[in-house]
């Protein structure tokens, strides 16, 4: 059986093509019009949202985020009004793209854009969760840093930083979960790593700072046993108590000043002269 161009009904084929093209032109023009109108409306709404957020002083929150070490070191300046207005812009653009693809009768493209459009609320919720969690983690770090510094605990910055990154990792995992991303494998492995890190840190810090902890406890249980101006003898050294802080006291002798750990009050014999 042979094939020949003469067997084709060329006028009929060309007629169908022309007819299909003519029938499709109005839909194509409508889709273009929807996209152009959508771009205009999206830009207008995004501009209005940005002005509204600026009037609500939302950018002040972004400045606080920029002051956090993690954000500052990334060299990324966060401006929340611009950020969320851009999100609104692209959400509206996707919405009009769905309308345009429906007019063109392109279900595959329409379903793809629609699935992306449905995913956006989860992303927005995850971003809000991440922003709030980052602010809370930084607030807790500052509280821990202030508390450790006021109590005279060494490596206060290290402890505060460790707590911050511990909270940040959990916030990131929770934000990914909010975005409907499966984080079960990631969270399990990170939990093991964090647990091991916390245990190693606790053991190492405990051994390294046992003397400091002893001095700190002594400041509570023995702070009333000696006072500034008392003349005492400790370890065969006689002098007058010149200064007392949370970890040590200074004994002033005739020729020098000697600093003793505060734990000596509970571990050594002290003679107080009246």
C-alpha atoms as a PDB file:
ATOM      1  CA  UNK A   1       0.000   0.000   0.000  1.00  0.00           C
ATOM      2  CA  UNK A   2       1.519   3.288  -1.056  1.00  0.00           C
ATOM      3  CA  UNK A   3       0.994   6.726   0.392  1.00  0.00           C
ATOM      4  CA  UNK A   4       0.540   9.689  -1.842  1.00  0.00           C
ATOM      5  CA  UNK A   5      -0.044  13.353  -1.266  1.00  0.00           C
ATOM      6  CA  UNK A   6      -2.755  13.132  -3.878  1.00  0.00           C
ATOM      7  CA  UNK A   7      -4.784  10.996  -1.464  1.00  0.00           C
ATOM      8  CA  UNK A   8      -4.969  13.901   1.005  1.00  0.00           C
ATOM      9  CA  UNK A   9      -7.818  16.328   0.955  1.00  0.00           C
ATOM     10  CA  UNK A  10      -5.595  19.417   1.119  1.00  0.00           C
ATOM     11  CA  UNK A  11      -8.404  21.953   0.896  1.00  0.00           C
ATOM     12  CA  UNK A  12     -10.179  20.213   3.772  1.00  0.00           C
ATOM     13  CA  UNK A  13      -7.040  20.085   5.937  1.00  0.00           C
ATOM     14  CA  UNK A  14      -6.192  23.710   5.295  1.00  0.00           C
ATOM     15  CA  UNK A  15      -9.776  24.647   5.971  1.00  0.00           C
ATOM     16  CA  UNK A  16      -9.686  22.897   9.341  1.00  0.00           C
ATOM     17  CA  UNK A  17      -6.424  24.664  10.231  1.00  0.00           C
ATOM     18  CA  UNK A  18      -7.775  28.047   9.276  1.00  0.00           C
ATOM     19  CA  UNK A  19     -11.029  27.365  11.065  1.00  0.00           C
ATOM     20  CA  UNK A  20      -9.196  26.263  14.212  1.00  0.00           C
ATOM     21  CA  UNK A  21      -6.969  29.319  14.065  1.00  0.00           C
ATOM     22  CA  UNK A  22      -9.918  31.670  13.597  1.00  0.00           C
ATOM     23  CA  UNK A  23     -11.808  30.045  16.458  1.00  0.00           C
ATOM     24  CA  UNK A  24      -8.743  30.235  18.696  1.00  0.00           C
ATOM     25  CA  UNK A  25      -7.909  33.886  18.051  1.00  0.00           C
ATOM     26  CA  UNK A  26     -10.643  35.292  20.334  1.00  0.00           C
ATOM     27  CA  UNK A  27      -9.549  33.008  23.173  1.00  0.00           C
ATOM     28  CA  UNK A  28      -5.914  33.988  22.627  1.00  0.00           C
ATOM     29  CA  UNK A  29      -6.785  37.684  22.620  1.00  0.00           C
ATOM     30  CA  UNK A  30      -8.885  37.197  25.761  1.00  0.00           C
ATOM     31  CA  UNK A  31      -6.014  35.395  27.501  1.00  0.00           C
ATOM     32  CA  UNK A  32      -3.554  38.179  26.573  1.00  0.00           C
ATOM     33  CA  UNK A  33      -6.037  40.776  27.833  1.00  0.00           C
ATOM     34  CA  UNK A  34      -6.465  38.879  31.118  1.00  0.00           C
ATOM     35  CA  UNK A  35      -2.692  38.688  31.600  1.00  0.00           C
ATOM     36  CA  UNK A  36      -2.174  42.402  30.841  1.00  0.00           C
ATOM     37  CA  UNK A  37      -5.015  43.419  33.138  1.00  0.00           C
ATOM     38  CA  UNK A  38      -3.697  41.017  35.766  1.00  0.00           C
ATOM     39  CA  UNK A  39      -0.212  42.536  35.642  1.00  0.00           C
ATOM     40  CA  UNK A  40      -1.659  46.024  36.026  1.00  0.00           C
ATOM     41  CA  UNK A  41      -3.986  45.043  38.891  1.00  0.00           C
ATOM     42  CA  UNK A  42      -1.268  42.998  40.627  1.00  0.00           C
ATOM     43  CA  UNK A  43       1.181  45.890  40.498  1.00  0.00           C
ATOM     44  CA  UNK A  44      -1.447  48.344  41.749  1.00  0.00           C
ATOM     45  CA  UNK A  45      -2.554  46.119  44.654  1.00  0.00           C
ATOM     46  CA  UNK A  46       1.061  45.335  45.618  1.00  0.00           C
ATOM     47  CA  UNK A  47       1.847  49.049  45.710  1.00  0.00           C
ATOM     48  CA  UNK A  48      -1.176  49.698  47.932  1.00  0.00           C
ATOM     49  CA  UNK A  49      -0.209  46.842  50.267  1.00  0.00           C
ATOM     50  CA  UNK A  50       3.341  48.170  50.536  1.00  0.00           C
ATOM     51  CA  UNK A  51       2.137  51.657  51.475  1.00  0.00           C
ATOM     52  CA  UNK A  52      -0.259  50.157  54.022  1.00  0.00           C
ATOM     53  CA  UNK A  53       2.502  48.084  55.625  1.00  0.00           C
ATOM     54  CA  UNK A  54       4.831  51.094  55.696  1.00  0.00           C
ATOM     55  CA  UNK A  55       2.134  53.145  57.434  1.00  0.00           C
ATOM     56  CA  UNK A  56       1.772  50.351  60.009  1.00  0.00           C
ATOM     57  CA  UNK A  57       5.543  50.570  60.736  1.00  0.00           C
ATOM     58  CA  UNK A  58       6.094  46.934  59.768  1.00  0.00           C
ATOM     59  CA  UNK A  59       9.616  47.768  58.566  1.00  0.00           C
ATOM     60  CA  UNK A  60      10.625  48.447  62.175  1.00  0.00           C
ATOM     61  CA  UNK A  61      10.234  44.712  62.745  1.00  0.00           C
ATOM     62  CA  UNK A  62      12.442  44.088  59.734  1.00  0.00           C
ATOM     63  CA  UNK A  63      15.134  46.323  61.237  1.00  0.00           C
ATOM     64  CA  UNK A  64      15.123  44.130  64.338  1.00  0.00           C
ATOM     65  CA  UNK A  65      15.607  41.092  62.118  1.00  0.00           C
ATOM     66  CA  UNK A  66      18.540  42.796  60.383  1.00  0.00           C
ATOM     67  CA  UNK A  67      20.227  43.285  63.766  1.00  0.00           C
ATOM     68  CA  UNK A  68      20.279  39.524  64.458  1.00  0.00           C
ATOM     69  CA  UNK A  69      23.749  38.065  63.877  1.00  0.00           C
ATOM     70  CA  UNK A  70      22.572  35.352  61.471  1.00  0.00           C
ATOM     71  CA  UNK A  71      20.816  37.878  59.238  1.00  0.00           C
ATOM     72  CA  UNK A  72      23.532  40.526  59.552  1.00  0.00           C
ATOM     73  CA  UNK A  73      26.275  38.077  58.517  1.00  0.00           C
ATOM     74  CA  UNK A  74      24.279  36.977  55.473  1.00  0.00           C
ATOM     75  CA  UNK A  75      24.494  40.534  54.040  1.00  0.00           C
ATOM     76  CA  UNK A  76      20.761  40.407  53.279  1.00  0.00           C
ATOM     77  CA  UNK A  77      18.712  43.443  54.233  1.00  0.00           C
ATOM     78  CA  UNK A  78      15.134  42.538  55.079  1.00  0.00           C
ATOM     79  CA  UNK A  79      12.401  45.073  54.351  1.00  0.00           C
ATOM     80  CA  UNK A  80       9.117  43.422  55.245  1.00  0.00           C
ATOM     81  CA  UNK A  81       6.866  45.896  53.431  1.00  0.00           C
ATOM     82  CA  UNK A  82       8.654  45.249  50.126  1.00  0.00           C
ATOM     83  CA  UNK A  83       8.898  41.515  50.814  1.00  0.00           C
ATOM     84  CA  UNK A  84       5.204  40.917  51.494  1.00  0.00           C
ATOM     85  CA  UNK A  85       4.079  43.270  48.717  1.00  0.00           C
ATOM     86  CA  UNK A  86       6.141  41.183  46.281  1.00  0.00           C
ATOM     87  CA  UNK A  87       4.460  38.027  47.567  1.00  0.00           C
ATOM     88  CA  UNK A  88       1.030  39.615  47.017  1.00  0.00           C
ATOM     89  CA  UNK A  89       2.102  40.652  43.514  1.00  0.00           C
ATOM     90  CA  UNK A  90       3.163  37.151  42.453  1.00  0.00           C
ATOM     91  CA  UNK A  91       0.102  35.549  44.073  1.00  0.00           C
ATOM     92  CA  UNK A  92      -2.183  37.786  42.009  1.00  0.00           C
ATOM     93  CA  UNK A  93      -0.144  37.163  38.857  1.00  0.00           C
ATOM     94  CA  UNK A  94      -0.560  33.410  39.343  1.00  0.00           C
ATOM     95  CA  UNK A  95      -4.277  33.899  39.895  1.00  0.00           C
ATOM     96  CA  UNK A  96      -4.652  35.707  36.564  1.00  0.00           C
ATOM     97  CA  UNK A  97      -2.446  33.110  34.846  1.00  0.00           C
ATOM     98  CA  UNK A  98      -4.887  30.413  35.979  1.00  0.00           C
ATOM     99  CA  UNK A  99      -7.733  32.434  34.460  1.00  0.00           C
ATOM    100  CA  UNK A 100      -5.806  32.893  31.201  1.00  0.00           C
ATOM    101  CA  UNK A 101      -4.961  29.194  30.852  1.00  0.00           C
ATOM    102  CA  UNK A 102      -8.599  28.301  31.510  1.00  0.00           C
ATOM    103  CA  UNK A 103      -9.644  30.569  28.626  1.00  0.00           C
ATOM    104  CA  UNK A 104      -7.069  28.920  26.356  1.00  0.00           C
ATOM    105  CA  UNK A 105      -8.391  25.485  27.381  1.00  0.00           C
ATOM    106  CA  UNK A 106      -4.968  24.294  28.604  1.00  0.00           C
ATOM    107  CA  UNK A 107      -5.870  22.054  31.569  1.00  0.00           C
ATOM    108  CA  UNK A 108      -2.341  20.737  32.121  1.00  0.00           C
ATOM    109  CA  UNK A 109      -0.836  24.217  32.483  1.00  0.00           C
ATOM    110  CA  UNK A 110      -3.857  25.422  34.428  1.00  0.00           C
ATOM    111  CA  UNK A 111      -3.597  22.545  36.919  1.00  0.00           C
ATOM    112  CA  UNK A 112       0.144  23.172  37.373  1.00  0.00           C
ATOM    113  CA  UNK A 113      -0.320  26.879  38.077  1.00  0.00           C
ATOM    114  CA  UNK A 114      -3.303  26.125  40.334  1.00  0.00           C
ATOM    115  CA  UNK A 115      -1.250  23.661  42.403  1.00  0.00           C
ATOM    116  CA  UNK A 116       1.460  26.307  42.835  1.00  0.00           C
ATOM    117  CA  UNK A 117      -1.221  28.826  43.788  1.00  0.00           C
ATOM    118  CA  UNK A 118      -2.609  26.475  46.461  1.00  0.00           C
ATOM    119  CA  UNK A 119       0.888  25.943  47.873  1.00  0.00           C
ATOM    120  CA  UNK A 120       1.494  29.673  48.457  1.00  0.00           C
ATOM    121  CA  UNK A 121      -0.579  30.045  51.696  1.00  0.00           C
ATOM    122  CA  UNK A 122       1.559  27.325  53.312  1.00  0.00           C
ATOM    123  CA  UNK A 123       4.719  29.149  52.265  1.00  0.00           C
ATOM    124  CA  UNK A 124       3.432  32.458  53.657  1.00  0.00           C
ATOM    125  CA  UNK A 125       2.475  30.780  56.951  1.00  0.00           C
ATOM    126  CA  UNK A 126       5.937  29.152  57.123  1.00  0.00           C
ATOM    127  CA  UNK A 127       7.654  32.514  56.516  1.00  0.00           C
ATOM    128  CA  UNK A 128       5.614  34.190  59.251  1.00  0.00           C
ATOM    129  CA  UNK A 129       6.409  31.315  61.612  1.00  0.00           C
ATOM    130  CA  UNK A 130      10.112  31.623  60.751  1.00  0.00           C
ATOM    131  CA  UNK A 131      10.159  35.404  61.337  1.00  0.00           C
ATOM    132  CA  UNK A 132       8.358  35.173  64.684  1.00  0.00           C
ATOM    133  CA  UNK A 133      10.475  32.204  65.768  1.00  0.00           C
ATOM    134  CA  UNK A 134      13.690  34.017  64.848  1.00  0.00           C
ATOM    135  CA  UNK A 135      12.671  37.060  66.908  1.00  0.00           C
ATOM    136  CA  UNK A 136      11.739  34.884  69.903  1.00  0.00           C
ATOM    137  CA  UNK A 137      15.017  32.925  69.671  1.00  0.00           C
ATOM    138  CA  UNK A 138      17.016  36.167  69.596  1.00  0.00           C
ATOM    139  CA  UNK A 139      15.018  37.542  72.560  1.00  0.00           C
ATOM    140  CA  UNK A 140      15.722  34.397  74.606  1.00  0.00           C
ATOM    141  CA  UNK A 141      19.415  34.591  73.680  1.00  0.00           C
ATOM    142  CA  UNK A 142      19.620  38.166  74.968  1.00  0.00           C
ATOM    143  CA  UNK A 143      17.838  37.179  78.191  1.00  0.00           C
ATOM    144  CA  UNK A 144      20.224  34.253  78.752  1.00  0.00           C
ATOM    145  CA  UNK A 145      23.251  36.416  77.916  1.00  0.00           C
ATOM    146  CA  UNK A 146      22.162  39.126  80.361  1.00  0.00           C
ATOM    147  CA  UNK A 147      21.389  36.604  83.101  1.00  0.00           C
ATOM    148  CA  UNK A 148      24.684  34.719  82.712  1.00  0.00           C
ATOM    149  CA  UNK A 149      26.684  37.947  82.597  1.00  0.00           C
ATOM    150  CA  UNK A 150      24.994  39.367  85.694  1.00  0.00           C
ATOM    151  CA  UNK A 151      25.594  36.115  87.576  1.00  0.00           C
ATOM    152  CA  UNK A 152      29.264  36.068  86.604  1.00  0.00           C
ATOM    153  CA  UNK A 153      28.955  32.792  84.709  1.00  0.00           C
ATOM    154  CA  UNK A 154      31.881  32.349  82.282  1.00  0.00           C
ATOM    155  CA  UNK A 155      31.337  31.823  78.539  1.00  0.00           C
ATOM    156  CA  UNK A 156      27.987  33.616  78.781  1.00  0.00           C
ATOM    157  CA  UNK A 157      28.108  34.487  75.078  1.00  0.00           C
ATOM    158  CA  UNK A 158      28.858  30.873  74.151  1.00  0.00           C
ATOM    159  CA  UNK A 159      25.929  29.559  76.197  1.00  0.00           C
ATOM    160  CA  UNK A 160      23.539  32.178  74.797  1.00  0.00           C
ATOM    161  CA  UNK A 161      24.685  31.424  71.241  1.00  0.00           C
ATOM    162  CA  UNK A 162      24.233  27.691  71.750  1.00  0.00           C
ATOM    163  CA  UNK A 163      20.665  28.197  72.989  1.00  0.00           C
ATOM    164  CA  UNK A 164      19.921  30.548  70.073  1.00  0.00           C
ATOM    165  CA  UNK A 165      21.039  28.089  67.393  1.00  0.00           C
ATOM    166  CA  UNK A 166      19.270  25.231  69.166  1.00  0.00           C
ATOM    167  CA  UNK A 167      16.013  27.205  69.001  1.00  0.00           C
ATOM    168  CA  UNK A 168      16.710  28.373  65.442  1.00  0.00           C
ATOM    169  CA  UNK A 169      17.131  24.810  64.153  1.00  0.00           C
ATOM    170  CA  UNK A 170      13.836  23.795  65.726  1.00  0.00           C
ATOM    171  CA  UNK A 171      12.120  26.880  64.284  1.00  0.00           C
ATOM    172  CA  UNK A 172      13.431  26.093  60.777  1.00  0.00           C
ATOM    173  CA  UNK A 173      12.253  22.465  60.999  1.00  0.00           C
ATOM    174  CA  UNK A 174       8.829  23.583  62.236  1.00  0.00           C
ATOM    175  CA  UNK A 175       8.600  26.170  59.439  1.00  0.00           C
ATOM    176  CA  UNK A 176       9.400  23.525  56.826  1.00  0.00           C
ATOM    177  CA  UNK A 177       6.683  21.340  58.323  1.00  0.00           C
ATOM    178  CA  UNK A 178       4.276  24.284  58.126  1.00  0.00           C
ATOM    179  CA  UNK A 179       5.106  24.496  54.420  1.00  0.00           C
ATOM    180  CA  UNK A 180       3.953  20.864  54.052  1.00  0.00           C
ATOM    181  CA  UNK A 181       7.527  19.634  53.507  1.00  0.00           C
ATOM    182  CA  UNK A 182       8.286  16.227  55.001  1.00  0.00           C
ATOM    183  CA  UNK A 183      10.904  16.790  57.703  1.00  0.00           C
ATOM    184  CA  UNK A 184      10.624  13.493  59.593  1.00  0.00           C
ATOM    185  CA  UNK A 185      14.020  12.157  58.459  1.00  0.00           C
ATOM    186  CA  UNK A 186      15.683  15.541  58.946  1.00  0.00           C
ATOM    187  CA  UNK A 187      14.203  16.129  62.409  1.00  0.00           C
ATOM    188  CA  UNK A 188      15.161  12.648  63.645  1.00  0.00           C
ATOM    189  CA  UNK A 189      18.796  13.010  62.612  1.00  0.00           C
ATOM    190  CA  UNK A 190      19.075  16.582  63.840  1.00  0.00           C
ATOM    191  CA  UNK A 191      17.555  15.531  67.180  1.00  0.00           C
ATOM    192  CA  UNK A 192      20.314  12.937  67.577  1.00  0.00           C
ATOM    193  CA  UNK A 193      23.000  15.471  66.687  1.00  0.00           C
ATOM    194  CA  UNK A 194      21.550  18.112  69.022  1.00  0.00           C
ATOM    195  CA  UNK A 195      21.135  15.596  71.847  1.00  0.00           C
ATOM    196  CA  UNK A 196      24.751  14.480  71.504  1.00  0.00           C
ATOM    197  CA  UNK A 197      25.945  18.079  71.303  1.00  0.00           C
ATOM    198  CA  UNK A 198      23.987  19.096  74.410  1.00  0.00           C
ATOM    199  CA  UNK A 199      25.337  16.129  76.364  1.00  0.00           C
ATOM    200  CA  UNK A 200      28.932  16.788  75.291  1.00  0.00           C
ATOM    201  CA  UNK A 201      28.579  20.492  76.033  1.00  0.00           C
ATOM    202  CA  UNK A 202      27.043  19.854  79.449  1.00  0.00           C
ATOM    203  CA  UNK A 203      29.768  17.391  80.459  1.00  0.00           C
ATOM    204  CA  UNK A 204      32.614  19.511  79.119  1.00  0.00           C
ATOM    205  CA  UNK A 205      31.278  22.737  80.548  1.00  0.00           C
ATOM    206  CA  UNK A 206      30.553  21.053  83.866  1.00  0.00           C
ATOM    207  CA  UNK A 207      34.144  19.873  84.271  1.00  0.00           C
ATOM    208  CA  UNK A 208      35.592  23.147  82.994  1.00  0.00           C
ATOM    209  CA  UNK A 209      33.515  25.373  85.260  1.00  0.00           C
ATOM    210  CA  UNK A 210      33.200  23.305  88.425  1.00  0.00           C
ATOM    211  CA  UNK A 211      35.354  25.775  90.367  1.00  0.00           C
ATOM    212  CA  UNK A 212      33.297  28.693  89.113  1.00  0.00           C
ATOM    213  CA  UNK A 213      30.085  26.927  90.115  1.00  0.00           C
ATOM    214  CA  UNK A 214      31.565  26.244  93.548  1.00  0.00           C
ATOM    215  CA  UNK A 215      32.368  29.937  93.943  1.00  0.00           C
ATOM    216  CA  UNK A 216      28.911  30.872  92.745  1.00  0.00           C
ATOM    217  CA  UNK A 217      27.231  28.573  95.277  1.00  0.00           C
ATOM    218  CA  UNK A 218      29.526  29.873  98.001  1.00  0.00           C
ATOM    219  CA  UNK A 219      28.318  33.401  97.280  1.00  0.00           C
ATOM    220  CA  UNK A 220      24.848  32.278  98.374  1.00  0.00           C
ATOM    221  CA  UNK A 221      25.654  30.107 101.361  1.00  0.00           C
ATOM    222  CA  UNK A 222      28.601  32.042 102.800  1.00  0.00           C
ATOM    223  CA  UNK A 223      28.036  35.669 101.828  1.00  0.00           C
ATOM    224  CA  UNK A 224      27.203  36.680 105.429  1.00  0.00           C
ATOM    225  CA  UNK A 225      30.166  34.986 107.088  1.00  0.00           C
ATOM    226  CA  UNK A 226      32.658  37.691 106.156  1.00  0.00           C
ATOM    227  CA  UNK A 227      32.157  41.331 105.263  1.00  0.00           C
ATOM    228  CA  UNK A 228      34.232  44.144 103.840  1.00  0.00           C
ATOM    229  CA  UNK A 229      36.447  45.545 106.579  1.00  0.00           C
ATOM    230  CA  UNK A 230      36.740  42.264 108.552  1.00  0.00           C
ATOM    231  CA  UNK A 231      40.236  41.279 109.619  1.00  0.00           C
ATOM    232  CA  UNK A 232      40.667  37.562 108.964  1.00  0.00           C
ATOM    233  CA  UNK A 233      43.309  34.873 108.710  1.00  0.00           C
ATOM    234  CA  UNK A 234      43.050  32.244 105.965  1.00  0.00           C
ATOM    235  CA  UNK A 235      45.775  29.837 104.822  1.00  0.00           C
ATOM    236  CA  UNK A 236      48.213  31.549 107.237  1.00  0.00           C
ATOM    237  CA  UNK A 237      47.566  34.918 105.587  1.00  0.00           C
ATOM    238  CA  UNK A 238      46.201  37.740 107.729  1.00  0.00           C
ATOM    239  CA  UNK A 239      44.621  40.800 106.237  1.00  0.00           C
ATOM    240  CA  UNK A 240      41.522  42.940 105.867  1.00  0.00           C
ATOM    241  CA  UNK A 241      38.690  42.040 103.464  1.00  0.00           C
ATOM    242  CA  UNK A 242      38.867  44.767 100.834  1.00  0.00           C
ATOM    243  CA  UNK A 243      36.356  43.565  98.226  1.00  0.00           C
ATOM    244  CA  UNK A 244      33.810  40.784  97.689  1.00  0.00           C
ATOM    245  CA  UNK A 245      32.106  39.821  94.450  1.00  0.00           C
ATOM    246  CA  UNK A 246      30.200  36.796  93.168  1.00  0.00           C
ATOM    247  CA  UNK A 247      33.283  34.632  92.632  1.00  0.00           C
ATOM    248  CA  UNK A 248      36.100  35.916  94.856  1.00  0.00           C
ATOM    249  CA  UNK A 249      37.154  38.179  97.690  1.00  0.00           C
ATOM    250  CA  UNK A 250      40.249  40.352  98.039  1.00  0.00           C
ATOM    251  CA  UNK A 251      42.351  40.269 101.196  1.00  0.00           C
ATOM    252  CA  UNK A 252      44.502  43.345 101.777  1.00  0.00           C
ATOM    253  CA  UNK A 253      47.694  42.779 103.760  1.00  0.00           C
ATOM    254  CA  UNK A 254      50.397  45.194 104.805  1.00  0.00           C
ATOM    255  CA  UNK A 255      52.349  44.625 101.605  1.00  0.00           C
ATOM    256  CA  UNK A 256      49.896  43.362  98.981  1.00  0.00           C
ATOM    257  CA  UNK A 257      46.393  42.340  97.965  1.00  0.00           C
ATOM    258  CA  UNK A 258      45.550  38.662  97.577  1.00  0.00           C
ATOM    259  CA  UNK A 259      42.548  37.335  95.648  1.00  0.00           C
ATOM    260  CA  UNK A 260      40.930  34.186  97.052  1.00  0.00           C
ATOM    261  CA  UNK A 261      38.167  32.141  95.382  1.00  0.00           C
ATOM    262  CA  UNK A 262      34.926  32.506  97.276  1.00  0.00           C
ATOM    263  CA  UNK A 263      34.743  28.734  97.656  1.00  0.00           C
ATOM    264  CA  UNK A 264      37.605  28.995 100.169  1.00  0.00           C
ATOM    265  CA  UNK A 265      35.074  30.275 102.698  1.00  0.00           C
ATOM    266  CA  UNK A 266      33.394  26.874 102.791  1.00  0.00           C
ATOM    267  CA  UNK A 267      36.493  24.687 102.304  1.00  0.00           C
ATOM    268  CA  UNK A 268      39.108  26.404 104.475  1.00  0.00           C
ATOM    269  CA  UNK A 269      39.359  27.382 108.138  1.00  0.00           C
ATOM    270  CA  UNK A 270      38.912  31.143 108.593  1.00  0.00           C
ATOM    271  CA  UNK A 271      39.822  33.077 111.714  1.00  0.00           C
ATOM    272  CA  UNK A 272      37.953  36.364 112.175  1.00  0.00           C
ATOM    273  CA  UNK A 273      39.716  38.895 114.430  1.00  0.00           C
ATOM    274  CA  UNK A 274      37.605  41.261 116.493  1.00  0.00           C
END
